[in-house]
Amino acid sequence: MTLARTILALALFAAACSPGAAAEPASRRVLYLGIDGTRFDALQAAATPTVDRLLAAGIHSDTCLILGDRYRENDTISGPGWSTILTGVWADKHGVNDNSFKGKNYEAFPHLFARIKARQPEARTVSLVTWAPIEDQIVSHADVRQKFVAQGKDYAGADAEAAAEAVRQLADPALTCLFLYQGQVDEAGHAHGFHPTVAEYVAAIEAVDKNLADVLAALEARPTRAAEDWLVVVTSDHGGRGTNHTKGHNVPEILHSFLIVSGAGAARGTFAEPTYLVDAAATVLAHLGIEPDEAWGLDGVPRGLKPAR
């Protein structure tokens, strides 16, 4: 790690740990990070200084459930997983049960950017992804939306490009919410195995962590950073076992994702109560000061935010 990146990383940690007063909604910002197919035990096995700092400066669950109690008919794969993460509702509402996206119901249950724009039309929203179906199927109401194609399944290269674009977008003082997706961990799991003892899988996690170091350094370098209250929310769509994660409804290694909520406005430690994928979007909205309309039908609840916000 370069000296500049180390200084910026320490600044991130110090800012996140500073108690301060509750920030006004207008100063609140969110970095929403999705790392496909990542098991938390593999995160712990990997050398991930960036994620480690986020954990230290926030609250997390290592058993975030990718399915709810009400509906469990969708497969444990990316189409329904990212639909849930980005809409805040389960598959019986968003309509996506597999990677065909047949039955999608995003008109009624859209991407969370639509909810942000409904309450804060001036908000600037950015989506940067390397799994094309997110861009082609799910994303809406984004001021900037880009997909970085993994040529020959080179998700590592595409992830690096997406992260570099995130660095550029973070220079925009008007930015309100940026969603960044990284796909190489899932690809490594399918090719070599989803397990903390699989070197290639762990190496992919470490590569993503390095990408995130650049992104968080860019966040801290914003000229307006001192007046902003940033929340970083990190999750994954599923885990994995062997080289797969389909039909994992009763397989803990697949059924459990993770949820990290980090920043000055976040609590500290580990969640005592169960957490679910739908909670991630609800937490993003709550940090931005957006009270959901009952008609939105969100299934998640905000998690890990300090009281009196």
Protein backbone atom coordinates (compact mmCIF):
# COMPACT_ATOMS: atom_id res chain seq x y z
CA MET A 1 0.00 0.00 0.00
CA THR A 2 1.35 3.47 -0.93
CA LEU A 3 1.94 6.10 1.74
CA ALA A 4 -0.88 8.26 0.33
CA ARG A 5 -3.33 5.37 0.41
CA THR A 6 -2.29 4.53 3.97
CA ILE A 7 -2.88 8.12 5.10
CA LEU A 8 -6.27 8.20 3.44
CA ALA A 9 -7.22 4.85 4.93
CA LEU A 10 -6.34 6.11 8.39
CA ALA A 11 -8.43 9.21 7.74
CA LEU A 12 -11.37 6.98 6.82
CA PHE A 13 -11.02 5.05 10.05
CA ALA A 14 -10.71 8.20 12.17
CA ALA A 15 -13.71 9.84 10.52
CA ALA A 16 -15.82 6.74 10.87
CA CYS A 17 -14.97 6.41 14.55
CA SER A 18 -15.65 10.06 15.38
CA PRO A 19 -18.98 10.26 17.22
CA GLY A 20 -19.98 13.78 16.17
CA ALA A 21 -23.53 15.12 16.00
CA ALA A 22 -26.21 13.57 13.81
CA ALA A 23 -25.74 14.89 10.29
CA GLU A 24 -28.44 16.67 8.33
CA PRO A 25 -29.95 14.50 5.57
CA ALA A 26 -28.59 16.85 2.90
CA SER A 27 -25.03 16.00 3.91
CA ARG A 28 -25.52 12.23 3.92
CA ARG A 29 -24.00 10.05 1.24
CA VAL A 30 -23.84 6.29 0.61
CA LEU A 31 -21.29 3.98 -0.96
CA TYR A 32 -23.14 0.71 -1.63
CA LEU A 33 -20.78 -2.17 -2.40
CA GLY A 34 -21.72 -5.59 -3.75
CA ILE A 35 -19.18 -8.43 -3.93
CA ASP A 36 -20.69 -11.40 -5.72
CA GLY A 37 -20.47 -14.91 -4.27
CA THR A 38 -18.42 -14.04 -1.20
CA ARG A 39 -18.35 -16.16 1.94
CA PHE A 40 -17.57 -14.29 5.13
CA ASP A 41 -15.26 -17.02 6.42
CA ALA A 42 -13.20 -16.54 3.26
CA LEU A 43 -13.14 -12.78 3.87
CA GLN A 44 -11.68 -13.56 7.28
CA ALA A 45 -9.09 -15.92 5.80
CA ALA A 46 -8.01 -13.39 3.17
CA ALA A 47 -5.72 -10.40 3.65
CA THR A 48 -8.35 -7.65 3.41
CA PRO A 49 -7.11 -4.51 5.18
CA THR A 50 -9.79 -2.37 3.55
CA VAL A 51 -12.70 -4.54 4.62
CA ASP A 52 -11.07 -4.96 8.04
CA ARG A 53 -11.14 -1.19 8.55
CA LEU A 54 -14.80 -1.07 7.54
CA LEU A 55 -15.56 -3.81 10.05
CA ALA A 56 -13.72 -1.98 12.81
CA ALA A 57 -15.59 1.24 12.04
CA GLY A 58 -19.06 -0.31 11.93
CA ILE A 59 -21.33 -3.24 12.64
CA HIS A 60 -21.72 -6.48 10.76
CA SER A 61 -23.42 -9.84 10.44
CA ASP A 62 -21.71 -12.94 9.09
CA THR A 63 -25.03 -14.79 8.79
CA CYS A 64 -27.12 -12.36 6.73
CA LEU A 65 -29.86 -14.53 5.21
CA ILE A 66 -30.41 -14.42 1.46
CA LEU A 67 -33.95 -15.83 1.78
CA GLY A 68 -36.81 -14.76 4.03
CA ASP A 69 -39.41 -16.79 5.86
CA ARG A 70 -42.32 -15.70 3.68
CA TYR A 71 -41.01 -16.84 0.31
CA ARG A 72 -38.29 -19.33 -0.58
CA GLU A 73 -39.15 -20.41 -4.13
CA ASN A 74 -36.42 -18.50 -5.94
CA ASP A 75 -33.08 -20.14 -6.64
CA THR A 76 -30.04 -19.09 -4.60
CA ILE A 77 -28.32 -17.39 -7.52
CA SER A 78 -27.45 -13.91 -8.75
CA GLY A 79 -30.62 -12.82 -10.59
CA PRO A 80 -32.89 -12.98 -7.55
CA GLY A 81 -30.05 -12.09 -5.16
CA TRP A 82 -29.12 -8.78 -6.77
CA SER A 83 -32.77 -7.99 -7.42
CA THR A 84 -33.37 -8.32 -3.68
CA ILE A 85 -30.29 -6.30 -2.76
CA LEU A 86 -31.23 -3.48 -5.13
CA THR A 87 -35.00 -3.34 -4.62
CA GLY A 88 -35.30 -4.19 -0.92
CA VAL A 89 -38.04 -6.77 -1.48
CA TRP A 90 -38.15 -10.56 -1.74
CA ALA A 91 -38.61 -12.47 -4.98
CA ASP A 92 -42.36 -12.93 -4.62
CA LYS A 93 -42.55 -9.15 -5.14
CA HIS A 94 -39.73 -8.34 -7.56
CA GLY A 95 -40.64 -11.45 -9.55
CA VAL A 96 -37.13 -12.77 -10.32
CA ASN A 97 -36.67 -16.44 -9.40
CA ASP A 98 -33.64 -17.28 -11.54
CA ASN A 99 -31.22 -15.77 -14.04
CA SER A 100 -33.75 -15.70 -16.86
CA PHE A 101 -35.46 -12.70 -15.20
CA LYS A 102 -38.76 -14.08 -16.44
CA GLY A 103 -41.60 -12.58 -14.39
CA LYS A 104 -39.62 -9.51 -13.32
CA ASN A 105 -41.80 -6.88 -11.67
CA TYR A 106 -39.53 -3.87 -11.41
CA GLU A 107 -42.31 -1.47 -12.40
CA ALA A 108 -44.00 -2.10 -9.08
CA PHE A 109 -40.78 -2.75 -7.12
CA PRO A 110 -37.98 -0.78 -8.77
CA HIS A 111 -34.32 -0.25 -8.08
CA LEU A 112 -33.73 1.76 -4.90
CA PHE A 113 -32.49 4.70 -6.98
CA ALA A 114 -36.15 5.21 -7.98
CA ARG A 115 -37.04 5.52 -4.30
CA ILE A 116 -34.21 7.99 -3.72
CA LYS A 117 -35.26 10.13 -6.69
CA ALA A 118 -38.90 10.08 -5.58
CA ARG A 119 -37.95 11.91 -2.39
CA GLN A 120 -34.75 13.65 -3.44
CA PRO A 121 -35.02 14.49 -7.17
CA GLU A 122 -31.76 16.42 -6.99
CA ALA A 123 -29.82 13.39 -5.74
CA ARG A 124 -27.07 12.14 -8.05
CA THR A 125 -27.00 8.36 -8.41
CA VAL A 126 -24.36 6.13 -10.03
CA SER A 127 -24.37 2.41 -10.89
CA LEU A 128 -21.15 0.65 -11.94
CA VAL A 129 -21.34 -3.10 -12.54
CA THR A 130 -19.45 -5.95 -14.16
CA TRP A 131 -22.30 -8.48 -14.30
CA ALA A 132 -24.28 -7.32 -17.33
CA PRO A 133 -27.77 -8.45 -16.21
CA ILE A 134 -27.74 -5.93 -13.37
CA GLU A 135 -27.33 -3.12 -15.91
CA ASP A 136 -29.56 -4.70 -18.56
CA GLN A 137 -32.40 -5.73 -16.24
CA ILE A 138 -32.42 -4.05 -12.83
CA VAL A 139 -30.90 -0.57 -12.86
CA SER A 140 -33.14 2.47 -13.20
CA HIS A 141 -33.10 6.16 -12.24
CA ALA A 142 -29.31 6.32 -12.40
CA ASP A 143 -27.69 9.56 -13.51
CA VAL A 144 -24.66 7.51 -14.50
CA ARG A 145 -24.91 3.82 -15.35
CA GLN A 146 -22.11 1.74 -16.82
CA LYS A 147 -21.38 -1.94 -17.30
CA PHE A 148 -17.85 -3.17 -17.76
CA VAL A 149 -17.86 -6.33 -19.84
CA ALA A 150 -15.69 -9.18 -18.60
CA GLN A 151 -14.10 -10.22 -21.88
CA GLY A 152 -13.37 -13.96 -21.78
CA LYS A 153 -14.72 -14.01 -18.21
CA ASP A 154 -11.94 -11.66 -17.11
CA TYR A 155 -13.91 -10.29 -14.20
CA ALA A 156 -10.70 -9.16 -12.50
CA GLY A 157 -9.98 -6.74 -15.33
CA ALA A 158 -13.58 -5.55 -15.52
CA ASP A 159 -13.74 -5.10 -11.74
CA ALA A 160 -10.60 -2.95 -11.83
CA GLU A 161 -12.14 -0.79 -14.57
CA ALA A 162 -15.37 -0.39 -12.60
CA ALA A 163 -13.44 0.56 -9.47
CA ALA A 164 -11.38 3.10 -11.44
CA GLU A 165 -14.61 4.65 -12.70
CA ALA A 166 -15.92 4.76 -9.13
CA VAL A 167 -12.81 6.75 -8.20
CA ARG A 168 -13.62 9.22 -10.98
CA GLN A 169 -17.27 9.49 -10.00
CA LEU A 170 -16.38 10.12 -6.35
CA ALA A 171 -14.72 13.37 -7.43
CA ASP A 172 -18.20 14.76 -8.20
CA PRO A 173 -19.32 16.85 -5.18
CA ALA A 174 -22.99 16.28 -6.13
CA LEU A 175 -22.75 12.49 -5.78
CA THR A 176 -25.35 11.08 -3.38
CA CYS A 177 -25.31 7.30 -3.79
CA LEU A 178 -22.90 5.09 -5.71
CA PHE A 179 -23.46 1.36 -6.21
CA LEU A 180 -20.35 -0.61 -7.20
CA TYR A 181 -20.48 -4.32 -8.06
CA GLN A 182 -17.46 -6.64 -8.20
CA GLY A 183 -17.81 -10.06 -9.87
CA GLN A 184 -14.45 -11.86 -9.81
CA VAL A 185 -14.95 -13.64 -6.47
CA ASP A 186 -17.98 -15.52 -7.75
CA GLU A 187 -16.15 -16.40 -10.96
CA ALA A 188 -13.21 -17.78 -8.95
CA GLY A 189 -15.59 -19.80 -6.81
CA HIS A 190 -17.20 -21.42 -9.85
CA ALA A 191 -13.82 -22.16 -11.39
CA HIS A 192 -11.96 -23.37 -8.28
CA GLY A 193 -14.32 -23.66 -5.32
CA PHE A 194 -16.11 -21.50 -2.78
CA HIS A 195 -14.04 -22.09 0.33
CA PRO A 196 -11.51 -20.22 2.50
CA THR A 197 -8.88 -22.89 1.78
CA VAL A 198 -9.08 -22.35 -2.00
CA ALA A 199 -6.16 -20.11 -2.93
CA GLU A 200 -7.73 -18.72 -6.11
CA TYR A 201 -10.94 -17.83 -4.32
CA VAL A 202 -9.09 -16.05 -1.53
CA ALA A 203 -6.87 -14.27 -4.06
CA ALA A 204 -9.95 -12.89 -5.84
CA ILE A 205 -11.24 -11.50 -2.53
CA GLU A 206 -7.86 -9.86 -1.91
CA ALA A 207 -7.91 -8.32 -5.41
CA VAL A 208 -11.34 -6.82 -4.75
CA ASP A 209 -10.12 -5.48 -1.41
CA LYS A 210 -7.32 -3.63 -3.22
CA ASN A 211 -9.88 -2.15 -5.64
CA LEU A 212 -11.95 -0.99 -2.69
CA ALA A 213 -8.89 0.61 -1.10
CA ASP A 214 -8.62 2.94 -4.11
CA VAL A 215 -12.36 3.68 -4.00
CA LEU A 216 -12.34 4.54 -0.30
CA ALA A 217 -9.21 6.63 -0.71
CA ALA A 218 -11.06 8.62 -3.39
CA LEU A 219 -14.00 9.06 -1.02
CA GLU A 220 -11.71 10.47 1.66
CA ALA A 221 -10.02 12.77 -0.87
CA ARG A 222 -13.27 14.57 -1.76
CA PRO A 223 -12.88 18.32 -1.17
CA THR A 224 -16.31 18.30 0.49
CA ARG A 225 -15.58 15.28 2.70
CA ALA A 226 -15.43 17.19 6.00
CA ALA A 227 -19.03 18.37 5.57
CA GLU A 228 -20.38 14.94 4.52
CA ASP A 229 -21.69 11.94 6.44
CA TRP A 230 -20.81 8.85 4.43
CA LEU A 231 -22.19 5.39 5.13
CA VAL A 232 -20.59 2.35 3.51
CA VAL A 233 -22.83 -0.70 3.11
CA VAL A 234 -21.30 -3.97 1.87
CA THR A 235 -23.02 -7.26 1.07
CA SER A 236 -23.10 -10.27 -1.24
CA ASP A 237 -25.89 -12.11 -3.04
CA HIS A 238 -25.02 -15.60 -1.76
CA GLY A 239 -22.20 -17.82 -0.55
CA GLY A 240 -21.21 -21.12 -2.14
CA ARG A 241 -20.19 -24.71 -1.58
CA GLY A 242 -18.03 -26.78 -3.88
CA THR A 243 -18.12 -24.90 -7.17
CA ASN A 244 -21.80 -23.99 -7.05
CA HIS A 245 -24.51 -22.20 -5.10
CA THR A 246 -27.74 -23.25 -6.77
CA LYS A 247 -30.52 -24.88 -4.71
CA GLY A 248 -28.86 -23.78 -1.49
CA HIS A 249 -32.06 -23.21 0.48
CA ASN A 250 -30.90 -25.44 3.32
CA VAL A 251 -27.12 -25.09 2.90
CA PRO A 252 -25.68 -22.60 5.42
CA GLU A 253 -22.56 -21.94 3.32
CA ILE A 254 -24.84 -20.73 0.51
CA LEU A 255 -27.77 -19.34 2.49
CA HIS A 256 -25.60 -17.02 4.58
CA SER A 257 -24.25 -13.83 3.11
CA PHE A 258 -22.90 -10.94 5.18
CA LEU A 259 -23.89 -7.34 5.87
CA ILE A 260 -21.44 -4.60 6.83
CA VAL A 261 -22.67 -1.12 7.81
CA SER A 262 -19.77 1.25 8.42
CA GLY A 263 -19.24 4.93 9.06
CA ALA A 264 -19.75 7.69 11.62
CA GLY A 265 -23.48 7.01 11.62
CA ALA A 266 -23.12 3.26 12.18
CA ALA A 267 -23.22 1.31 15.41
CA ARG A 268 -20.25 -0.87 16.37
CA GLY A 269 -19.78 -4.60 16.83
CA THR A 270 -21.95 -7.43 15.54
CA PHE A 271 -25.70 -7.65 15.03
CA ALA A 272 -27.51 -9.43 17.83
CA GLU A 273 -30.66 -9.90 15.75
CA PRO A 274 -31.07 -11.76 12.43
CA THR A 275 -30.31 -9.75 9.30
CA TYR A 276 -31.55 -10.26 5.75
CA LEU A 277 -30.53 -9.16 2.27
CA VAL A 278 -33.60 -6.90 2.08
CA ASP A 279 -32.24 -4.89 5.02
CA ALA A 280 -29.35 -3.48 3.00
CA ALA A 281 -31.48 -1.25 0.74
CA ALA A 282 -33.61 -0.17 3.70
CA THR A 283 -30.45 0.90 5.52
CA VAL A 284 -29.26 2.94 2.54
CA LEU A 285 -32.58 4.77 2.35
CA ALA A 286 -32.71 5.40 6.09
CA HIS A 287 -29.23 6.90 6.16
CA LEU A 288 -30.23 9.28 3.37
CA GLY A 289 -33.16 10.43 5.50
CA ILE A 290 -35.78 8.79 3.27
CA GLU A 291 -38.87 7.50 5.07
CA PRO A 292 -40.37 4.75 2.88
CA ASP A 293 -43.91 5.13 1.63
CA GLU A 294 -46.07 2.24 2.80
CA ALA A 295 -47.09 1.72 -0.82
CA TRP A 296 -43.50 0.85 -1.69
CA GLY A 297 -43.92 -2.45 0.13
CA LEU A 298 -40.31 -2.72 1.25
CA ASP A 299 -39.53 -5.94 3.12
CA GLY A 300 -36.35 -4.82 4.84
CA VAL A 301 -35.75 -2.65 7.87
CA PRO A 302 -32.80 -0.33 8.55
CA ARG A 303 -29.99 -2.06 10.41
CA GLY A 304 -26.96 -0.83 12.28
CA LEU A 305 -27.58 2.91 12.31
CA LYS A 306 -26.99 4.93 15.45
CA PRO A 307 -30.20 6.17 17.09
CA ALA A 308 -31.65 9.67 16.76
CA ARG A 309 -31.03 9.99 13.05
